[in-house]
Amino acid sequence: MTKNYFDLKARLEFQRDWANYFSSYFNHLRISQRVASELRKEQPLLSIIINFYYLPLNILKYMNRLKMIYSYNRCVKEIDILQKELDLARSYIDEK
């Protein structure tokens, strides 16, 4: 097999690891959001005050979350493309 094939395979594994990391990150984020939602129900006035106080930080966190979603989608797309490239390389090697 060619060096290119092994490079593509290594990159595919690397991207799969990143996709797993992003999935774990989003699961933990979802749990944190549920906790915050429950606390807002229990203490609405304090929640409003704290959200107003941390508004700039909350905006930055929101932007970071959007960036993470974009990075995750890019990672998934790269996995698809790498898989197609590997299939193509495998068929090329099989022809020889």
Protein backbone atom coordinates (compact mmCIF):
# COMPACT_ATOMS: atom_id res chain seq x y z
CA MET A 1 0.00 0.00 0.00
CA THR A 2 1.15 3.51 -0.65
CA LYS A 3 2.29 6.06 1.89
CA ASN A 4 -0.61 8.31 0.89
CA TYR A 5 -3.09 5.60 1.93
CA PHE A 6 -1.58 5.33 5.41
CA ASP A 7 -1.48 9.12 5.76
CA LEU A 8 -5.17 9.33 4.88
CA LYS A 9 -5.99 6.52 7.28
CA ALA A 10 -4.09 8.22 10.13
CA ARG A 11 -5.83 11.52 9.42
CA LEU A 12 -9.20 9.77 9.36
CA GLU A 13 -8.54 8.26 12.81
CA PHE A 14 -7.43 11.66 14.09
CA GLN A 15 -10.65 13.27 12.83
CA ARG A 16 -12.76 10.50 14.35
CA ASP A 17 -11.10 11.17 17.70
CA TRP A 18 -11.97 14.85 17.34
CA ALA A 19 -15.57 14.00 16.44
CA ASN A 20 -15.81 11.90 19.61
CA TYR A 21 -14.37 14.79 21.62
CA PHE A 22 -16.94 17.19 20.16
CA SER A 23 -19.76 14.74 20.91
CA SER A 24 -18.61 14.46 24.51
CA TYR A 25 -18.31 18.25 24.76
CA PHE A 26 -21.86 18.76 23.47
CA ASN A 27 -23.23 16.14 25.87
CA HIS A 28 -21.60 17.89 28.84
CA LEU A 29 -22.81 21.25 27.56
CA ARG A 30 -26.36 19.92 27.31
CA ILE A 31 -26.20 18.74 30.95
CA SER A 32 -24.90 22.13 32.09
CA GLN A 33 -27.72 23.87 30.23
CA ARG A 34 -30.29 21.63 31.91
CA VAL A 35 -28.83 22.46 35.34
CA ALA A 36 -28.94 26.18 34.55
CA SER A 37 -32.53 25.84 33.37
CA GLU A 38 -33.56 24.12 36.59
CA LEU A 39 -31.84 26.81 38.67
CA ARG A 40 -33.64 29.54 36.69
CA LYS A 41 -36.95 27.92 37.59
CA GLU A 42 -36.03 27.78 41.28
CA GLN A 43 -34.51 31.28 41.56
CA PRO A 44 -35.79 33.49 38.74
CA LEU A 45 -34.83 36.91 40.17
CA LEU A 46 -31.28 35.89 41.03
CA SER A 47 -30.96 34.26 37.62
CA ILE A 48 -31.94 37.49 35.84
CA ILE A 49 -29.46 39.52 37.88
CA ILE A 50 -26.62 37.07 37.28
CA ASN A 51 -27.39 36.79 33.55
CA PHE A 52 -27.36 40.59 33.22
CA TYR A 53 -24.11 40.86 35.17
CA TYR A 54 -22.41 38.19 33.02
CA LEU A 55 -23.96 39.32 29.73
CA PRO A 56 -20.63 40.02 27.93
CA LEU A 57 -19.25 36.65 29.05
CA ASN A 58 -22.46 34.89 28.02
CA ILE A 59 -22.21 36.45 24.55
CA LEU A 60 -18.62 35.20 24.23
CA LYS A 61 -19.69 31.73 25.38
CA TYR A 62 -22.45 31.74 22.79
CA MET A 63 -19.98 32.70 20.05
CA ASN A 64 -17.62 29.96 21.22
CA ARG A 65 -20.48 27.46 21.09
CA LEU A 66 -21.23 28.51 17.49
CA LYS A 67 -17.55 28.04 16.64
CA MET A 68 -17.56 24.57 18.20
CA ILE A 69 -20.66 23.60 16.19
CA TYR A 70 -18.95 24.83 13.01
CA SER A 71 -15.78 22.89 13.89
CA TYR A 72 -17.80 19.74 14.58
CA ASN A 73 -19.63 20.02 11.25
CA ARG A 74 -16.34 20.59 9.46
CA CYS A 75 -14.84 17.55 11.18
CA VAL A 76 -17.79 15.35 10.15
CA LYS A 77 -17.53 16.59 6.56
CA GLU A 78 -13.79 15.90 6.56
CA ILE A 79 -14.44 12.36 7.81
CA ASP A 80 -16.83 11.80 4.89
CA ILE A 81 -14.33 13.14 2.36
CA LEU A 82 -11.44 11.15 3.85
CA GLN A 83 -13.53 7.98 3.75
CA LYS A 84 -14.25 8.57 0.05
CA GLU A 85 -10.57 9.25 -0.63
CA LEU A 86 -9.59 6.06 1.20
CA ASP A 87 -12.09 4.04 -0.83
CA LEU A 88 -10.69 5.57 -3.99
CA ALA A 89 -7.10 4.81 -2.93
CA ARG A 90 -8.07 1.27 -1.95
CA SER A 91 -9.69 0.65 -5.35
CA TYR A 92 -6.61 2.09 -7.08
CA ILE A 93 -4.34 -0.23 -5.10
CA ASP A 94 -6.59 -3.23 -5.80
CA GLU A 95 -6.37 -2.56 -9.55
CA LYS A 96 -2.61 -2.96 -9.47
